[in-house]
Amino acid sequence: MKKQLFPLLLVLVLSLGCSIRPKPIDYGHVGCHYCSMTIVDRQHAAQLVTTKGKVFNFDAIECMMNHLMEVDTSTMALYLVNDYDRPGELVDATTATYLISENIPSPMGAFLSAFSDRQMAQGALDAHGGEFLDWSALKQRYK
């Protein structure tokens, strides 16, 4: 019985170590994978998770997009961005609405913010001006 249980437990332990899921960003302590700045801004940070479960953190959406121009995107499983209206909450970057507004600065100066809710993005656009982008349009800007 023990001989049969050990391989099963080994497979279980190994599979748990490689799970594909977001990892909380340790704000103020971890650096951006692209520019090496310490990540402190909870409204503009982003994260990539590879198909092998490796996590890359970014201090700004524009750093993540610049990094994506340098890698094989087929190795990416999750694209995540912080929701501007819910600081620190990572949301699916592929379904977010993006606002470029010079009245909302981002850490690297691209004035790029993400919203999970289109109505909240519209409210920010009405208040601050700017331009909407979806994931497809954002990828076109960074290619």
N, C-alpha and C. Protein backbone atom coordinates (compact mmCIF):
# COMPACT_ATOMS: atom_id res chain seq x y z
N MET A 1 0.82 -1.20 0.00
CA MET A 1 0.00 0.00 0.00
C MET A 1 0.87 1.27 0.00
N LYS A 2 1.92 1.29 0.84
CA LYS A 2 2.79 2.46 0.91
C LYS A 2 3.51 2.69 -0.41
N LYS A 3 3.88 1.60 -1.09
CA LYS A 3 4.57 1.73 -2.37
C LYS A 3 3.66 2.35 -3.43
N GLN A 4 2.37 2.10 -3.35
CA GLN A 4 1.42 2.65 -4.32
C GLN A 4 1.08 4.10 -3.99
N LEU A 5 1.09 4.45 -2.74
CA LEU A 5 0.71 5.79 -2.30
C LEU A 5 1.80 6.82 -2.59
N PHE A 6 3.06 6.45 -2.47
CA PHE A 6 4.16 7.39 -2.68
C PHE A 6 4.16 8.02 -4.07
N PRO A 7 4.06 7.26 -5.17
CA PRO A 7 4.04 7.90 -6.49
C PRO A 7 2.86 8.85 -6.67
N LEU A 8 1.73 8.49 -6.11
CA LEU A 8 0.55 9.35 -6.21
C LEU A 8 0.78 10.67 -5.47
N LEU A 9 1.34 10.60 -4.29
CA LEU A 9 1.64 11.82 -3.53
C LEU A 9 2.70 12.66 -4.23
N LEU A 10 3.69 12.03 -4.82
CA LEU A 10 4.73 12.75 -5.54
C LEU A 10 4.14 13.52 -6.72
N VAL A 11 3.28 12.90 -7.48
CA VAL A 11 2.62 13.57 -8.61
C VAL A 11 1.77 14.73 -8.12
N LEU A 12 1.06 14.54 -7.03
CA LEU A 12 0.21 15.60 -6.47
C LEU A 12 1.06 16.80 -6.04
N VAL A 13 2.14 16.56 -5.33
CA VAL A 13 3.01 17.64 -4.86
C VAL A 13 3.63 18.38 -6.04
N LEU A 14 4.10 17.66 -7.04
CA LEU A 14 4.72 18.30 -8.20
C LEU A 14 3.71 19.12 -9.00
N SER A 15 2.50 18.65 -9.11
CA SER A 15 1.49 19.40 -9.87
C SER A 15 1.05 20.66 -9.14
N LEU A 16 1.06 20.64 -7.82
CA LEU A 16 0.69 21.84 -7.07
C LEU A 16 1.73 22.94 -7.22
N GLY A 17 2.98 22.59 -7.39
CA GLY A 17 4.05 23.57 -7.52
C GLY A 17 4.03 24.32 -8.84
N CYS A 18 3.34 23.83 -9.84
CA CYS A 18 3.36 24.42 -11.17
C CYS A 18 1.98 24.92 -11.60
N SER A 19 1.18 25.35 -10.65
CA SER A 19 -0.17 25.77 -11.01
C SER A 19 -0.14 27.10 -11.75
N ILE A 20 -1.06 27.22 -12.67
CA ILE A 20 -1.15 28.43 -13.49
C ILE A 20 -2.21 29.32 -12.87
N ARG A 21 -1.77 30.26 -12.06
CA ARG A 21 -2.68 31.19 -11.40
C ARG A 21 -1.93 32.46 -11.02
N PRO A 22 -2.65 33.55 -10.82
CA PRO A 22 -1.99 34.79 -10.41
C PRO A 22 -1.34 34.62 -9.04
N LYS A 23 -0.34 35.42 -8.80
CA LYS A 23 0.31 35.45 -7.50
C LYS A 23 0.21 36.88 -6.98
N PRO A 24 -0.18 37.07 -5.72
CA PRO A 24 -0.27 38.44 -5.20
C PRO A 24 1.05 39.18 -5.37
N ILE A 25 0.95 40.43 -5.78
CA ILE A 25 2.14 41.27 -5.95
C ILE A 25 2.54 41.83 -4.59
N ASP A 26 3.79 41.70 -4.23
CA ASP A 26 4.30 42.20 -2.95
C ASP A 26 4.74 43.66 -3.15
N TYR A 27 3.75 44.55 -3.12
CA TYR A 27 4.00 45.98 -3.38
C TYR A 27 5.05 46.54 -2.43
N GLY A 28 5.94 47.34 -3.01
CA GLY A 28 6.99 47.96 -2.22
C GLY A 28 8.22 47.09 -2.03
N HIS A 29 8.14 45.82 -2.46
CA HIS A 29 9.26 44.91 -2.26
C HIS A 29 9.73 44.22 -3.53
N VAL A 30 8.85 44.06 -4.50
CA VAL A 30 9.21 43.34 -5.73
C VAL A 30 9.43 44.36 -6.85
N GLY A 31 10.35 44.03 -7.75
CA GLY A 31 10.66 44.93 -8.86
C GLY A 31 9.98 44.51 -10.14
N CYS A 32 9.82 45.46 -11.03
CA CYS A 32 9.24 45.22 -12.35
C CYS A 32 10.20 44.36 -13.17
N HIS A 33 9.67 43.33 -13.81
CA HIS A 33 10.49 42.45 -14.62
C HIS A 33 11.09 43.19 -15.82
N TYR A 34 10.41 44.20 -16.32
CA TYR A 34 10.86 44.91 -17.52
C TYR A 34 11.84 46.05 -17.20
N CYS A 35 11.48 46.91 -16.26
CA CYS A 35 12.29 48.12 -16.01
C CYS A 35 13.01 48.11 -14.66
N SER A 36 12.72 47.13 -13.83
CA SER A 36 13.35 46.94 -12.51
C SER A 36 12.91 47.93 -11.44
N MET A 37 11.98 48.84 -11.75
CA MET A 37 11.48 49.75 -10.71
C MET A 37 10.70 48.95 -9.67
N THR A 38 10.78 49.38 -8.41
CA THR A 38 9.98 48.74 -7.37
C THR A 38 8.51 49.02 -7.64
N ILE A 39 7.69 48.00 -7.53
CA ILE A 39 6.26 48.14 -7.81
C ILE A 39 5.56 48.66 -6.56
N VAL A 40 4.99 49.87 -6.65
CA VAL A 40 4.28 50.47 -5.53
C VAL A 40 2.86 50.90 -5.91
N ASP A 41 2.62 51.16 -7.17
CA ASP A 41 1.33 51.67 -7.64
C ASP A 41 0.34 50.52 -7.81
N ARG A 42 -0.70 50.49 -6.96
CA ARG A 42 -1.69 49.41 -6.99
C ARG A 42 -2.75 49.60 -8.07
N GLN A 43 -2.73 50.73 -8.77
CA GLN A 43 -3.72 50.97 -9.82
C GLN A 43 -3.21 50.63 -11.21
N HIS A 44 -1.92 50.52 -11.39
CA HIS A 44 -1.38 50.35 -12.73
C HIS A 44 -0.50 49.12 -12.92
N ALA A 45 -0.28 48.33 -11.90
CA ALA A 45 0.58 47.15 -12.01
C ALA A 45 -0.06 46.10 -12.92
N ALA A 46 0.77 45.17 -13.38
CA ALA A 46 0.30 44.11 -14.27
C ALA A 46 1.11 42.84 -13.99
N GLN A 47 0.61 41.73 -14.53
CA GLN A 47 1.27 40.45 -14.28
C GLN A 47 1.03 39.50 -15.45
N LEU A 48 2.05 38.74 -15.78
CA LEU A 48 1.94 37.66 -16.76
C LEU A 48 2.23 36.35 -16.05
N VAL A 49 1.50 35.30 -16.43
CA VAL A 49 1.76 33.95 -15.92
C VAL A 49 1.95 33.05 -17.13
N THR A 50 3.07 32.34 -17.16
CA THR A 50 3.36 31.47 -18.30
C THR A 50 2.60 30.15 -18.20
N THR A 51 2.64 29.40 -19.28
CA THR A 51 1.99 28.09 -19.30
C THR A 51 2.65 27.11 -18.33
N LYS A 52 3.85 27.44 -17.85
CA LYS A 52 4.53 26.61 -16.85
C LYS A 52 4.33 27.15 -15.44
N GLY A 53 3.57 28.24 -15.30
CA GLY A 53 3.28 28.79 -13.98
C GLY A 53 4.24 29.86 -13.49
N LYS A 54 5.21 30.24 -14.30
CA LYS A 54 6.14 31.30 -13.90
C LYS A 54 5.44 32.65 -13.97
N VAL A 55 5.67 33.48 -12.95
CA VAL A 55 4.99 34.77 -12.83
C VAL A 55 5.98 35.91 -13.08
N PHE A 56 5.55 36.87 -13.90
CA PHE A 56 6.31 38.09 -14.17
C PHE A 56 5.46 39.27 -13.73
N ASN A 57 6.00 40.12 -12.85
CA ASN A 57 5.30 41.30 -12.37
C ASN A 57 5.83 42.55 -13.06
N PHE A 58 4.93 43.53 -13.25
CA PHE A 58 5.28 44.77 -13.93
C PHE A 58 4.69 45.94 -13.16
N ASP A 59 5.42 47.06 -13.12
CA ASP A 59 4.93 48.24 -12.39
C ASP A 59 3.90 49.03 -13.18
N ALA A 60 3.79 48.76 -14.47
CA ALA A 60 2.83 49.48 -15.31
C ALA A 60 2.42 48.58 -16.47
N ILE A 61 1.23 48.81 -16.97
CA ILE A 61 0.73 48.04 -18.11
C ILE A 61 1.67 48.19 -19.29
N GLU A 62 2.19 49.40 -19.49
CA GLU A 62 3.08 49.62 -20.63
C GLU A 62 4.36 48.79 -20.52
N CYS A 63 4.84 48.51 -19.32
CA CYS A 63 6.01 47.63 -19.17
C CYS A 63 5.65 46.20 -19.60
N MET A 64 4.46 45.73 -19.21
CA MET A 64 4.03 44.41 -19.64
C MET A 64 3.92 44.34 -21.15
N MET A 65 3.34 45.36 -21.76
CA MET A 65 3.17 45.36 -23.21
C MET A 65 4.53 45.41 -23.93
N ASN A 66 5.46 46.18 -23.41
CA ASN A 66 6.81 46.22 -23.99
C ASN A 66 7.50 44.87 -23.86
N HIS A 67 7.32 44.22 -22.73
CA HIS A 67 7.90 42.88 -22.54
C HIS A 67 7.30 41.88 -23.53
N LEU A 68 6.01 41.98 -23.77
CA LEU A 68 5.35 41.05 -24.70
C LEU A 68 5.90 41.16 -26.11
N MET A 69 6.44 42.31 -26.47
CA MET A 69 7.04 42.46 -27.80
C MET A 69 8.33 41.66 -27.93
N GLU A 70 8.91 41.27 -26.80
CA GLU A 70 10.21 40.60 -26.79
C GLU A 70 10.14 39.09 -26.56
N VAL A 71 8.95 38.55 -26.33
CA VAL A 71 8.83 37.13 -25.98
C VAL A 71 7.85 36.43 -26.91
N ASP A 72 7.88 35.11 -26.86
CA ASP A 72 6.93 34.28 -27.59
C ASP A 72 5.63 34.25 -26.78
N THR A 73 4.61 34.93 -27.24
CA THR A 73 3.37 35.04 -26.47
C THR A 73 2.63 33.71 -26.35
N SER A 74 2.99 32.71 -27.14
CA SER A 74 2.33 31.41 -27.00
C SER A 74 2.71 30.74 -25.69
N THR A 75 3.73 31.24 -25.00
CA THR A 75 4.12 30.69 -23.70
C THR A 75 3.36 31.34 -22.55
N MET A 76 2.50 32.31 -22.85
CA MET A 76 1.75 33.01 -21.80
C MET A 76 0.37 32.39 -21.62
N ALA A 77 0.02 32.15 -20.36
CA ALA A 77 -1.29 31.58 -20.05
C ALA A 77 -2.26 32.65 -19.54
N LEU A 78 -1.76 33.58 -18.74
CA LEU A 78 -2.61 34.62 -18.16
C LEU A 78 -2.00 36.00 -18.39
N TYR A 79 -2.85 36.91 -18.79
CA TYR A 79 -2.50 38.32 -18.95
C TYR A 79 -3.37 39.07 -17.94
N LEU A 80 -2.74 39.73 -16.98
CA LEU A 80 -3.49 40.37 -15.89
C LEU A 80 -3.06 41.82 -15.71
N VAL A 81 -4.04 42.65 -15.38
CA VAL A 81 -3.78 44.07 -15.10
C VAL A 81 -4.55 44.46 -13.85
N ASN A 82 -4.04 45.45 -13.13
CA ASN A 82 -4.79 45.96 -11.98
C ASN A 82 -5.95 46.82 -12.47
N ASP A 83 -7.08 46.64 -11.82
CA ASP A 83 -8.26 47.46 -12.11
C ASP A 83 -8.05 48.83 -11.46
N TYR A 84 -8.09 49.88 -12.25
CA TYR A 84 -7.86 51.23 -11.74
C TYR A 84 -8.82 51.58 -10.60
N ASP A 85 -10.07 51.13 -10.71
CA ASP A 85 -11.08 51.46 -9.69
C ASP A 85 -11.04 50.54 -8.48
N ARG A 86 -10.30 49.45 -8.56
CA ARG A 86 -10.16 48.53 -7.42
C ARG A 86 -8.67 48.24 -7.26
N PRO A 87 -7.93 49.20 -6.71
CA PRO A 87 -6.47 49.08 -6.61
C PRO A 87 -6.04 47.75 -5.98
N GLY A 88 -5.06 47.13 -6.63
CA GLY A 88 -4.52 45.87 -6.13
C GLY A 88 -5.23 44.64 -6.64
N GLU A 89 -6.36 44.81 -7.32
CA GLU A 89 -7.11 43.66 -7.82
C GLU A 89 -6.74 43.38 -9.28
N LEU A 90 -6.14 42.22 -9.50
CA LEU A 90 -5.77 41.81 -10.85
C LEU A 90 -6.98 41.27 -11.60
N VAL A 91 -7.15 41.73 -12.83
CA VAL A 91 -8.27 41.29 -13.67
C VAL A 91 -7.72 40.84 -15.03
N ASP A 92 -8.53 40.15 -15.77
CA ASP A 92 -8.14 39.63 -17.09
C ASP A 92 -7.86 40.79 -18.04
N ALA A 93 -6.63 40.88 -18.48
CA ALA A 93 -6.23 41.98 -19.38
C ALA A 93 -6.91 41.89 -20.73
N THR A 94 -7.28 40.69 -21.15
CA THR A 94 -7.85 40.52 -22.49
C THR A 94 -9.29 40.99 -22.58
N THR A 95 -9.95 41.19 -21.43
CA THR A 95 -11.33 41.67 -21.44
C THR A 95 -11.47 43.07 -20.83
N ALA A 96 -10.38 43.64 -20.37
CA ALA A 96 -10.42 44.97 -19.75
C ALA A 96 -10.62 46.05 -20.81
N THR A 97 -11.11 47.20 -20.33
CA THR A 97 -11.19 48.40 -21.15
C THR A 97 -10.04 49.30 -20.71
N TYR A 98 -9.32 49.84 -21.67
CA TYR A 98 -8.16 50.68 -21.38
C TYR A 98 -8.45 52.13 -21.70
N LEU A 99 -7.92 53.01 -20.86
CA LEU A 99 -8.07 54.45 -21.05
C LEU A 99 -6.68 55.07 -21.08
N ILE A 100 -6.42 55.82 -22.13
CA ILE A 100 -5.21 56.64 -22.18
C ILE A 100 -5.66 58.07 -21.95
N SER A 101 -5.27 58.62 -20.80
CA SER A 101 -5.66 59.98 -20.43
C SER A 101 -4.46 60.68 -19.80
N GLU A 102 -4.08 61.81 -20.36
CA GLU A 102 -2.96 62.56 -19.82
C GLU A 102 -3.26 63.13 -18.44
N ASN A 103 -4.51 63.02 -18.00
CA ASN A 103 -4.89 63.48 -16.67
C ASN A 103 -4.83 62.37 -15.63
N ILE A 104 -4.47 61.15 -16.05
CA ILE A 104 -4.27 60.03 -15.13
C ILE A 104 -2.87 59.47 -15.39
N PRO A 105 -1.87 59.96 -14.68
CA PRO A 105 -0.51 59.49 -14.92
C PRO A 105 -0.32 58.03 -14.50
N SER A 106 0.50 57.33 -15.25
CA SER A 106 0.89 55.96 -14.90
C SER A 106 2.39 55.96 -14.62
N PRO A 107 2.90 54.93 -13.95
CA PRO A 107 4.30 54.95 -13.51
C PRO A 107 5.34 55.21 -14.60
N MET A 108 5.12 54.75 -15.81
CA MET A 108 6.12 54.90 -16.86
C MET A 108 5.76 55.98 -17.89
N GLY A 109 4.71 56.73 -17.62
CA GLY A 109 4.40 57.89 -18.45
C GLY A 109 3.57 57.64 -19.70
N ALA A 110 2.96 56.47 -19.83
CA ALA A 110 2.11 56.21 -21.00
C ALA A 110 0.65 56.61 -20.74
N PHE A 111 0.34 57.01 -19.50
CA PHE A 111 -1.02 57.46 -19.13
C PHE A 111 -2.05 56.36 -19.39
N LEU A 112 -1.66 55.11 -19.18
CA LEU A 112 -2.48 53.96 -19.52
C LEU A 112 -3.05 53.33 -18.25
N SER A 113 -4.38 53.22 -18.20
CA SER A 113 -5.08 52.62 -17.07
C SER A 113 -6.06 51.57 -17.58
N ALA A 114 -6.32 50.55 -16.75
CA ALA A 114 -7.24 49.48 -17.12
C ALA A 114 -8.45 49.47 -16.20
N PHE A 115 -9.59 49.11 -16.76
CA PHE A 115 -10.85 49.02 -16.02
C PHE A 115 -11.52 47.70 -16.38
N SER A 116 -12.01 46.99 -15.36
CA SER A 116 -12.74 45.76 -15.64
C SER A 116 -14.19 46.06 -16.02
N ASP A 117 -14.68 47.21 -15.61
CA ASP A 117 -16.07 47.60 -15.86
C ASP A 117 -16.11 48.76 -16.86
N ARG A 118 -16.77 48.54 -17.97
CA ARG A 118 -16.83 49.56 -19.04
C ARG A 118 -17.50 50.86 -18.55
N GLN A 119 -18.51 50.75 -17.69
CA GLN A 119 -19.18 51.95 -17.18
C GLN A 119 -18.25 52.78 -16.30
N MET A 120 -17.42 52.12 -15.51
CA MET A 120 -16.46 52.85 -14.68
C MET A 120 -15.42 53.53 -15.58
N ALA A 121 -15.04 52.85 -16.64
CA ALA A 121 -14.10 53.44 -17.60
C ALA A 121 -14.72 54.66 -18.26
N GLN A 122 -16.01 54.57 -18.58
CA GLN A 122 -16.70 55.70 -19.20
C GLN A 122 -16.74 56.88 -18.24
N GLY A 123 -16.97 56.61 -16.96
CA GLY A 123 -16.96 57.67 -15.96
C GLY A 123 -15.60 58.36 -15.88
N ALA A 124 -14.54 57.56 -15.94
CA ALA A 124 -13.18 58.14 -15.92
C ALA A 124 -12.91 58.94 -17.18
N LEU A 125 -13.39 58.44 -18.32
CA LEU A 125 -13.22 59.17 -19.59
C LEU A 125 -13.97 60.50 -19.53
N ASP A 126 -15.19 60.48 -19.01
CA ASP A 126 -15.98 61.71 -18.89
C ASP A 126 -15.29 62.72 -17.96
N ALA A 127 -14.69 62.23 -16.88
CA ALA A 127 -14.06 63.11 -15.89
C ALA A 127 -12.68 63.60 -16.32
N HIS A 128 -11.93 62.76 -17.03
CA HIS A 128 -10.52 63.08 -17.31
C HIS A 128 -10.18 63.24 -18.79
N GLY A 129 -11.10 62.86 -19.66
CA GLY A 129 -10.81 62.90 -21.09
C GLY A 129 -9.90 61.75 -21.48
N GLY A 130 -9.63 61.64 -22.75
CA GLY A 130 -8.72 60.60 -23.21
C GLY A 130 -9.30 59.76 -24.32
N GLU A 131 -8.79 58.54 -24.41
CA GLU A 131 -9.13 57.64 -25.51
C GLU A 131 -9.26 56.21 -24.98
N PHE A 132 -10.32 55.51 -25.42
CA PHE A 132 -10.52 54.11 -25.07
C PHE A 132 -9.75 53.19 -26.00
N LEU A 133 -9.29 52.06 -25.45
CA LEU A 133 -8.71 50.97 -26.24
C LEU A 133 -9.22 49.65 -25.67
N ASP A 134 -9.37 48.65 -26.53
CA ASP A 134 -9.60 47.30 -26.04
C ASP A 134 -8.28 46.54 -26.16
N TRP A 135 -8.27 45.27 -25.77
CA TRP A 135 -7.03 44.48 -25.78
C TRP A 135 -6.41 44.42 -27.17
N SER A 136 -7.24 44.23 -28.17
CA SER A 136 -6.74 44.13 -29.55
C SER A 136 -6.06 45.43 -29.98
N ALA A 137 -6.70 46.56 -29.71
CA ALA A 137 -6.11 47.86 -30.08
C ALA A 137 -4.84 48.14 -29.28
N LEU A 138 -4.83 47.73 -28.02
CA LEU A 138 -3.64 47.92 -27.19
C LEU A 138 -2.46 47.11 -27.74
N LYS A 139 -2.72 45.88 -28.14
CA LYS A 139 -1.65 45.05 -28.73
C LYS A 139 -1.13 45.66 -30.02
N GLN A 140 -2.01 46.30 -30.79
CA GLN A 140 -1.57 46.95 -32.04
C GLN A 140 -0.62 48.10 -31.76
N ARG A 141 -0.85 48.82 -30.66
CA ARG A 141 0.04 49.93 -30.30
C ARG A 141 1.41 49.45 -29.87
N TYR A 142 1.46 48.24 -29.34
CA TYR A 142 2.72 47.69 -28.83
C TYR A 142 3.13 46.47 -29.64
N LYS A 143 3.38 46.69 -30.92
CA LYS A 143 3.86 45.56 -31.73
C LYS A 143 5.05 45.94 -32.56
